[in-house]
All heavy atoms as atom14 arrays in JSON, in Angstrom:
{
  "sequence": "FCDRHVYAGRTRFIANALLAHFEQISWPPPPAAPTAN",
  "atom14_mask": [
    [1, 1, 1, 1, 1, 1, 1, 1, 1, 1, 1, 0, 0, 0],
    [1, 1, 1, 1, 1, 1, 0, 0, 0, 0, 0, 0, 0, 0],
    [1, 1, 1, 1, 1, 1, 1, 1, 0, 0, 0, 0, 0, 0],
    [1, 1, 1, 1, 1, 1, 1, 1, 1, 1, 1, 0, 0, 0],
    [1, 1, 1, 1, 1, 1, 1, 1, 1, 1, 0, 0, 0, 0],
    [1, 1, 1, 1, 1, 1, 1, 0, 0, 0, 0, 0, 0, 0],
    [1, 1, 1, 1, 1, 1, 1, 1, 1, 1, 1, 1, 0, 0],
    [1, 1, 1, 1, 1, 0, 0, 0, 0, 0, 0, 0, 0, 0],
    [1, 1, 1, 1, 0, 0, 0, 0, 0, 0, 0, 0, 0, 0],
    [1, 1, 1, 1, 1, 1, 1, 1, 1, 1, 1, 0, 0, 0],
    [1, 1, 1, 1, 1, 1, 1, 0, 0, 0, 0, 0, 0, 0],
    [1, 1, 1, 1, 1, 1, 1, 1, 1, 1, 1, 0, 0, 0],
    [1, 1, 1, 1, 1, 1, 1, 1, 1, 1, 1, 0, 0, 0],
    [1, 1, 1, 1, 1, 1, 1, 1, 0, 0, 0, 0, 0, 0],
    [1, 1, 1, 1, 1, 0, 0, 0, 0, 0, 0, 0, 0, 0],
    [1, 1, 1, 1, 1, 1, 1, 1, 0, 0, 0, 0, 0, 0],
    [1, 1, 1, 1, 1, 0, 0, 0, 0, 0, 0, 0, 0, 0],
    [1, 1, 1, 1, 1, 1, 1, 1, 0, 0, 0, 0, 0, 0],
    [1, 1, 1, 1, 1, 1, 1, 1, 0, 0, 0, 0, 0, 0],
    [1, 1, 1, 1, 1, 0, 0, 0, 0, 0, 0, 0, 0, 0],
    [1, 1, 1, 1, 1, 1, 1, 1, 1, 1, 0, 0, 0, 0],
    [1, 1, 1, 1, 1, 1, 1, 1, 1, 1, 1, 0, 0, 0],
    [1, 1, 1, 1, 1, 1, 1, 1, 1, 0, 0, 0, 0, 0],
    [1, 1, 1, 1, 1, 1, 1, 1, 1, 0, 0, 0, 0, 0],
    [1, 1, 1, 1, 1, 1, 1, 1, 0, 0, 0, 0, 0, 0],
    [1, 1, 1, 1, 1, 1, 0, 0, 0, 0, 0, 0, 0, 0],
    [1, 1, 1, 1, 1, 1, 1, 1, 1, 1, 1, 1, 1, 1],
    [1, 1, 1, 1, 1, 1, 1, 0, 0, 0, 0, 0, 0, 0],
    [1, 1, 1, 1, 1, 1, 1, 0, 0, 0, 0, 0, 0, 0],
    [1, 1, 1, 1, 1, 1, 1, 0, 0, 0, 0, 0, 0, 0],
    [1, 1, 1, 1, 1, 1, 1, 0, 0, 0, 0, 0, 0, 0],
    [1, 1, 1, 1, 1, 0, 0, 0, 0, 0, 0, 0, 0, 0],
    [1, 1, 1, 1, 1, 0, 0, 0, 0, 0, 0, 0, 0, 0],
    [1, 1, 1, 1, 1, 1, 1, 0, 0, 0, 0, 0, 0, 0],
    [1, 1, 1, 1, 1, 1, 1, 0, 0, 0, 0, 0, 0, 0],
    [1, 1, 1, 1, 1, 0, 0, 0, 0, 0, 0, 0, 0, 0],
    [1, 1, 1, 1, 1, 1, 1, 1, 0, 0, 0, 0, 0, 0]
  ],
  "atom14_positions": [
    [[118.93, -11.1, -0.44], [119.9, -11.76, -1.3], [119.49, -11.74, -2.78], [120.03, -12.47, -3.58], [120.09, -13.21, -0.84], [120.69, -13.29, 0.53], [119.89, -13.53, 1.64], [122.06, -13.11, 0.73], [120.45, -13.59, 2.91], [122.6, -13.17, 1.99], [121.8, -13.41, 3.09], [0.0, 0.0, 0.0], [0.0, 0.0, 0.0], [0.0, 0.0, 0.0]],
    [[118.49, -10.94, -3.11], [118.14, -10.75, -4.51], [117.53, -9.38, -4.65], [117.32, -8.68, -3.67], [117.19, -11.84, -5.0], [115.49, -11.59, -4.46], [0.0, 0.0, 0.0], [0.0, 0.0, 0.0], [0.0, 0.0, 0.0], [0.0, 0.0, 0.0], [0.0, 0.0, 0.0], [0.0, 0.0, 0.0], [0.0, 0.0, 0.0], [0.0, 0.0, 0.0]],
    [[117.23, -8.98, -5.87], [116.73, -7.63, -6.11], [115.22, -7.57, -6.19], [114.67, -6.5, -6.46], [117.33, -7.08, -7.42], [118.81, -6.74, -7.25], [119.2, -6.45, -6.12], [119.54, -6.8, -8.25], [0.0, 0.0, 0.0], [0.0, 0.0, 0.0], [0.0, 0.0, 0.0], [0.0, 0.0, 0.0], [0.0, 0.0, 0.0], [0.0, 0.0, 0.0]],
    [[114.52, -8.7, -6.01], [113.07, -8.67, -6.09], [112.52, -8.09, -4.79], [112.63, -8.68, -3.73], [112.52, -10.08, -6.31], [111.02, -10.1, -6.54], [110.54, -11.46, -7.01], [109.08, -11.46, -7.09], [108.31, -12.25, -6.35], [108.84, -13.09, -5.51], [107.0, -12.19, -6.48], [0.0, 0.0, 0.0], [0.0, 0.0, 0.0], [0.0, 0.0, 0.0]],
    [[111.94, -6.9, -4.89], [111.49, -6.24, -3.69], [110.28, -5.37, -4.0], [109.94, -5.12, -5.16], [112.6, -5.37, -3.09], [113.04, -4.26, -3.98], [114.02, -4.42, -4.94], [112.6, -2.97, -4.09], [114.2, -3.29, -5.59], [113.34, -2.38, -5.11], [0.0, 0.0, 0.0], [0.0, 0.0, 0.0], [0.0, 0.0, 0.0], [0.0, 0.0, 0.0]],
    [[109.62, -4.94, -2.93], [108.5, -4.01, -3.05], [108.75, -2.85, -2.11], [109.5, -2.97, -1.13], [107.15, -4.68, -2.71], [106.84, -5.79, -3.68], [107.16, -5.21, -1.28], [0.0, 0.0, 0.0], [0.0, 0.0, 0.0], [0.0, 0.0, 0.0], [0.0, 0.0, 0.0], [0.0, 0.0, 0.0], [0.0, 0.0, 0.0], [0.0, 0.0, 0.0]],
    [[108.13, -1.73, -2.41], [108.16, -0.62, -1.47], [106.97, -0.77, -0.55], [105.82, -0.72, -0.98], [108.15, 0.71, -2.21], [109.5, 1.04, -2.79], [109.81, 0.75, -4.11], [110.49, 1.59, -1.99], [111.06, 1.01, -4.64], [111.76, 1.86, -2.5], [112.03, 1.57, -3.82], [113.27, 1.82, -4.32], [0.0, 0.0, 0.0], [0.0, 0.0, 0.0]],
    [[107.24, -0.99, 0.71], [106.21, -1.37, 1.67], [105.62, -0.16, 2.37], [106.31, 0.84, 2.6], [106.79, -2.33, 2.71], [0.0, 0.0, 0.0], [0.0, 0.0, 0.0], [0.0, 0.0, 0.0], [0.0, 0.0, 0.0], [0.0, 0.0, 0.0], [0.0, 0.0, 0.0], [0.0, 0.0, 0.0], [0.0, 0.0, 0.0], [0.0, 0.0, 0.0]],
    [[104.35, -0.29, 2.71], [103.69, 0.75, 3.48], [103.49, 0.31, 4.91], [103.45, -0.89, 5.21], [0.0, 0.0, 0.0], [0.0, 0.0, 0.0], [0.0, 0.0, 0.0], [0.0, 0.0, 0.0], [0.0, 0.0, 0.0], [0.0, 0.0, 0.0], [0.0, 0.0, 0.0], [0.0, 0.0, 0.0], [0.0, 0.0, 0.0], [0.0, 0.0, 0.0]],
    [[103.38, 1.26, 5.8], [103.14, 0.95, 7.22], [101.91, 0.06, 7.35], [100.94, 0.2, 6.61], [102.94, 2.26, 7.99], [102.8, 2.09, 9.49], [102.61, 3.43, 10.21], [101.34, 4.05, 9.86], [101.22, 5.22, 9.25], [102.31, 5.9, 8.87], [100.04, 5.73, 8.96], [0.0, 0.0, 0.0], [0.0, 0.0, 0.0], [0.0, 0.0, 0.0]],
    [[101.95, -0.87, 8.29], [100.82, -1.76, 8.49], [99.52, -0.99, 8.62], [99.45, 0.06, 9.27], [101.01, -2.64, 9.75], [99.8, -3.38, 9.98], [101.34, -1.81, 10.98], [0.0, 0.0, 0.0], [0.0, 0.0, 0.0], [0.0, 0.0, 0.0], [0.0, 0.0, 0.0], [0.0, 0.0, 0.0], [0.0, 0.0, 0.0], [0.0, 0.0, 0.0]],
    [[98.49, -1.5, 7.99], [97.18, -0.84, 8.01], [96.59, -0.76, 9.42], [95.66, 0.0, 9.67], [96.2, -1.6, 7.11], [95.79, -2.97, 7.63], [95.01, -3.77, 6.61], [95.88, -4.22, 5.53], [95.44, -5.0, 4.53], [94.17, -5.36, 4.48], [96.28, -5.39, 3.6], [0.0, 0.0, 0.0], [0.0, 0.0, 0.0], [0.0, 0.0, 0.0]],
    [[97.15, -1.55, 10.36], [96.62, -1.56, 11.72], [97.06, -0.33, 12.52], [96.58, -0.11, 13.64], [97.03, -2.84, 12.44], [96.6, -4.09, 11.72], [97.47, -5.16, 11.57], [95.32, -4.2, 11.19], [97.08, -6.3, 10.9], [94.92, -5.34, 10.52], [95.81, -6.4, 10.37], [0.0, 0.0, 0.0], [0.0, 0.0, 0.0], [0.0, 0.0, 0.0]],
    [[98.01, 0.43, 11.98], [98.42, 1.69, 12.62], [98.08, 2.81, 11.63], [98.91, 3.26, 10.84], [99.91, 1.69, 12.97], [100.24, 0.51, 13.9], [100.3, 3.0, 13.65], [101.7, 0.4, 14.27], [0.0, 0.0, 0.0], [0.0, 0.0, 0.0], [0.0, 0.0, 0.0], [0.0, 0.0, 0.0], [0.0, 0.0, 0.0], [0.0, 0.0, 0.0]],
    [[96.83, 3.22, 11.68], [96.34, 4.26, 10.78], [96.89, 5.62, 11.21], [97.45, 5.77, 12.3], [94.81, 4.27, 10.77], [0.0, 0.0, 0.0], [0.0, 0.0, 0.0], [0.0, 0.0, 0.0], [0.0, 0.0, 0.0], [0.0, 0.0, 0.0], [0.0, 0.0, 0.0], [0.0, 0.0, 0.0], [0.0, 0.0, 0.0], [0.0, 0.0, 0.0]],
    [[96.71, 6.59, 10.35], [97.21, 7.94, 10.65], [96.66, 8.47, 11.97], [97.35, 9.19, 12.7], [96.84, 8.9, 9.51], [97.65, 8.63, 8.26], [98.72, 8.02, 8.32], [97.14, 9.07, 7.12], [0.0, 0.0, 0.0], [0.0, 0.0, 0.0], [0.0, 0.0, 0.0], [0.0, 0.0, 0.0], [0.0, 0.0, 0.0], [0.0, 0.0, 0.0]],
    [[95.41, 8.13, 12.28], [94.79, 8.63, 13.5], [95.48, 8.12, 14.76], [95.3, 8.69, 15.84], [93.31, 8.24, 13.53], [0.0, 0.0, 0.0], [0.0, 0.0, 0.0], [0.0, 0.0, 0.0], [0.0, 0.0, 0.0], [0.0, 0.0, 0.0], [0.0, 0.0, 0.0], [0.0, 0.0, 0.0], [0.0, 0.0, 0.0], [0.0, 0.0, 0.0]],
    [[96.28, 7.05, 14.63], [96.94, 6.46, 15.8], [98.36, 6.99, 15.98], [99.01, 6.67, 16.98], [97.01, 4.93, 15.67], [95.78, 4.12, 16.12], [94.55, 4.5, 15.34], [96.07, 2.62, 16.0], [0.0, 0.0, 0.0], [0.0, 0.0, 0.0], [0.0, 0.0, 0.0], [0.0, 0.0, 0.0], [0.0, 0.0, 0.0], [0.0, 0.0, 0.0]],
    [[98.85, 7.77, 15.06], [100.26, 8.16, 15.09], [100.62, 8.99, 16.31], [101.8, 9.02, 16.71], [100.62, 8.92, 13.81], [100.58, 8.08, 12.52], [100.94, 8.95, 11.32], [101.53, 6.88, 12.63], [0.0, 0.0, 0.0], [0.0, 0.0, 0.0], [0.0, 0.0, 0.0], [0.0, 0.0, 0.0], [0.0, 0.0, 0.0], [0.0, 0.0, 0.0]],
    [[99.66, 9.67, 16.91], [99.94, 10.47, 18.1], [100.42, 9.61, 19.26], [101.05, 10.12, 20.2], [98.7, 11.25, 18.5], [0.0, 0.0, 0.0], [0.0, 0.0, 0.0], [0.0, 0.0, 0.0], [0.0, 0.0, 0.0], [0.0, 0.0, 0.0], [0.0, 0.0, 0.0], [0.0, 0.0, 0.0], [0.0, 0.0, 0.0], [0.0, 0.0, 0.0]],
    [[100.15, 8.31, 19.21], [100.56, 7.41, 20.29], [101.96, 6.86, 20.08], [102.44, 6.05, 20.89], [99.56, 6.25, 20.42], [98.19, 6.67, 20.85], [97.87, 6.94, 22.16], [97.07, 6.91, 20.12], [96.61, 7.29, 22.23], [96.09, 7.28, 21.02], [0.0, 0.0, 0.0], [0.0, 0.0, 0.0], [0.0, 0.0, 0.0], [0.0, 0.0, 0.0]],
    [[102.62, 7.26, 19.0], [103.94, 6.73, 18.67], [104.92, 7.88, 18.45], [104.54, 8.99, 18.08], [103.89, 5.88, 17.4], [103.06, 4.64, 17.5], [101.69, 4.68, 17.24], [103.62, 3.44, 17.87], [100.91, 3.54, 17.32], [102.85, 2.28, 17.96], [101.49, 2.34, 17.69], [0.0, 0.0, 0.0], [0.0, 0.0, 0.0], [0.0, 0.0, 0.0]],
    [[106.19, 7.58, 18.67], [107.27, 8.47, 18.26], [107.81, 7.96, 16.94], [108.17, 6.79, 16.82], [108.38, 8.49, 19.31], [109.58, 9.33, 18.91], [110.74, 9.21, 19.88], [110.57, 8.57, 20.95], [111.84, 9.72, 19.56], [0.0, 0.0, 0.0], [0.0, 0.0, 0.0], [0.0, 0.0, 0.0], [0.0, 0.0, 0.0], [0.0, 0.0, 0.0]],
    [[107.84, 8.82, 15.93], [108.31, 8.42, 14.62], [109.74, 8.89, 14.4], [110.05, 10.06, 14.58], [107.4, 9.01, 13.53], [105.95, 8.57, 13.64], [105.11, 9.16, 12.54], [105.24, 8.75, 11.38], [104.24, 10.1, 12.87], [0.0, 0.0, 0.0], [0.0, 0.0, 0.0], [0.0, 0.0, 0.0], [0.0, 0.0, 0.0], [0.0, 0.0, 0.0]],
    [[110.61, 7.95, 14.03], [112.0, 8.3, 13.75], [112.44, 7.63, 12.47], [111.86, 6.63, 12.03], [112.94, 7.9, 14.91], [112.98, 6.38, 15.09], [112.53, 8.57, 16.21], [114.0, 5.92, 16.11], [0.0, 0.0, 0.0], [0.0, 0.0, 0.0], [0.0, 0.0, 0.0], [0.0, 0.0, 0.0], [0.0, 0.0, 0.0], [0.0, 0.0, 0.0]],
    [[113.46, 8.19, 11.84], [114.07, 7.59, 10.66], [115.51, 7.24, 11.0], [116.18, 7.96, 11.75], [114.04, 8.56, 9.47], [112.71, 8.82, 9.07], [0.0, 0.0, 0.0], [0.0, 0.0, 0.0], [0.0, 0.0, 0.0], [0.0, 0.0, 0.0], [0.0, 0.0, 0.0], [0.0, 0.0, 0.0], [0.0, 0.0, 0.0], [0.0, 0.0, 0.0]],
    [[116.0, 6.12, 10.43], [117.38, 5.7, 10.69], [117.99, 5.21, 9.38], [117.34, 4.48, 8.62], [117.4, 4.59, 11.73], [118.78, 4.29, 12.23], [119.4, 4.83, 13.31], [119.7, 3.36, 11.65], [120.65, 4.31, 13.43], [120.88, 3.4, 12.43], [119.66, 2.51, 10.54], [121.97, 2.62, 12.14], [120.76, 1.73, 10.24], [121.9, 1.79, 11.05]],
    [[119.21, 5.59, 9.1], [120.0, 6.56, 9.87], [119.44, 7.96, 9.69], [118.76, 8.24, 8.71], [121.4, 6.44, 9.25], [121.15, 5.94, 7.86], [119.94, 5.07, 7.94], [0.0, 0.0, 0.0], [0.0, 0.0, 0.0], [0.0, 0.0, 0.0], [0.0, 0.0, 0.0], [0.0, 0.0, 0.0], [0.0, 0.0, 0.0], [0.0, 0.0, 0.0]],
    [[119.72, 8.84, 10.64], [119.22, 10.21, 10.53], [119.79, 10.88, 9.29], [120.9, 10.54, 8.85], [119.69, 10.88, 11.82], [120.83, 10.05, 12.29], [120.54, 8.64, 11.85], [0.0, 0.0, 0.0], [0.0, 0.0, 0.0], [0.0, 0.0, 0.0], [0.0, 0.0, 0.0], [0.0, 0.0, 0.0], [0.0, 0.0, 0.0], [0.0, 0.0, 0.0]],
    [[119.05, 11.81, 8.7], [119.56, 12.49, 7.49], [120.84, 13.24, 7.79], [121.03, 13.75, 8.9], [118.41, 13.45, 7.13], [117.64, 13.63, 8.39], [117.75, 12.34, 9.14], [0.0, 0.0, 0.0], [0.0, 0.0, 0.0], [0.0, 0.0, 0.0], [0.0, 0.0, 0.0], [0.0, 0.0, 0.0], [0.0, 0.0, 0.0], [0.0, 0.0, 0.0]],
    [[121.77, 13.31, 6.84], [123.04, 14.01, 7.07], [122.79, 15.5, 7.27], [121.83, 16.07, 6.76], [123.82, 13.74, 5.78], [122.77, 13.45, 4.75], [121.66, 12.76, 5.48], [0.0, 0.0, 0.0], [0.0, 0.0, 0.0], [0.0, 0.0, 0.0], [0.0, 0.0, 0.0], [0.0, 0.0, 0.0], [0.0, 0.0, 0.0], [0.0, 0.0, 0.0]],
    [[123.68, 16.11, 8.02], [123.56, 17.54, 8.28], [123.75, 18.31, 6.98], [124.51, 17.91, 6.09], [124.6, 17.98, 9.3], [0.0, 0.0, 0.0], [0.0, 0.0, 0.0], [0.0, 0.0, 0.0], [0.0, 0.0, 0.0], [0.0, 0.0, 0.0], [0.0, 0.0, 0.0], [0.0, 0.0, 0.0], [0.0, 0.0, 0.0], [0.0, 0.0, 0.0]],
    [[123.03, 19.41, 6.87], [123.14, 20.24, 5.66], [124.56, 20.77, 5.53], [125.19, 21.16, 6.53], [122.15, 21.39, 5.73], [0.0, 0.0, 0.0], [0.0, 0.0, 0.0], [0.0, 0.0, 0.0], [0.0, 0.0, 0.0], [0.0, 0.0, 0.0], [0.0, 0.0, 0.0], [0.0, 0.0, 0.0], [0.0, 0.0, 0.0], [0.0, 0.0, 0.0]],
    [[125.15, 20.79, 4.32], [126.54, 21.27, 4.15], [126.65, 22.75, 4.46], [125.72, 23.53, 4.22], [126.82, 20.99, 2.67], [125.46, 20.94, 2.03], [124.54, 20.37, 3.06], [0.0, 0.0, 0.0], [0.0, 0.0, 0.0], [0.0, 0.0, 0.0], [0.0, 0.0, 0.0], [0.0, 0.0, 0.0], [0.0, 0.0, 0.0], [0.0, 0.0, 0.0]],
    [[127.79, 23.14, 4.99], [128.04, 24.56, 5.3], [128.19, 25.35, 4.01], [128.91, 24.93, 3.08], [129.32, 24.7, 6.15], [129.19, 23.89, 7.31], [129.53, 26.15, 6.54], [0.0, 0.0, 0.0], [0.0, 0.0, 0.0], [0.0, 0.0, 0.0], [0.0, 0.0, 0.0], [0.0, 0.0, 0.0], [0.0, 0.0, 0.0], [0.0, 0.0, 0.0]],
    [[127.49, 26.46, 3.94], [127.53, 27.27, 2.72], [128.94, 27.77, 2.45], [129.65, 28.22, 3.36], [126.57, 28.46, 2.85], [0.0, 0.0, 0.0], [0.0, 0.0, 0.0], [0.0, 0.0, 0.0], [0.0, 0.0, 0.0], [0.0, 0.0, 0.0], [0.0, 0.0, 0.0], [0.0, 0.0, 0.0], [0.0, 0.0, 0.0], [0.0, 0.0, 0.0]],
    [[129.37, 27.69, 1.21], [130.69, 28.16, 0.79], [130.51, 29.43, -0.03], [129.95, 29.39, -1.14], [131.39, 27.09, -0.04], [132.79, 27.5, -0.47], [133.21, 28.64, -0.25], [133.51, 26.56, -1.07], [0.0, 0.0, 0.0], [0.0, 0.0, 0.0], [0.0, 0.0, 0.0], [0.0, 0.0, 0.0], [0.0, 0.0, 0.0], [0.0, 0.0, 0.0]]
  ]
}
């Protein structure tokens, strides 16, 4: 409800070495590339 915000990083408890144990997804998924004209 206001504009005061920070850009947050993933919790330090899930280091890069642990990422193999997780599935990483982004939401919403990126839009499909436009068809070349």
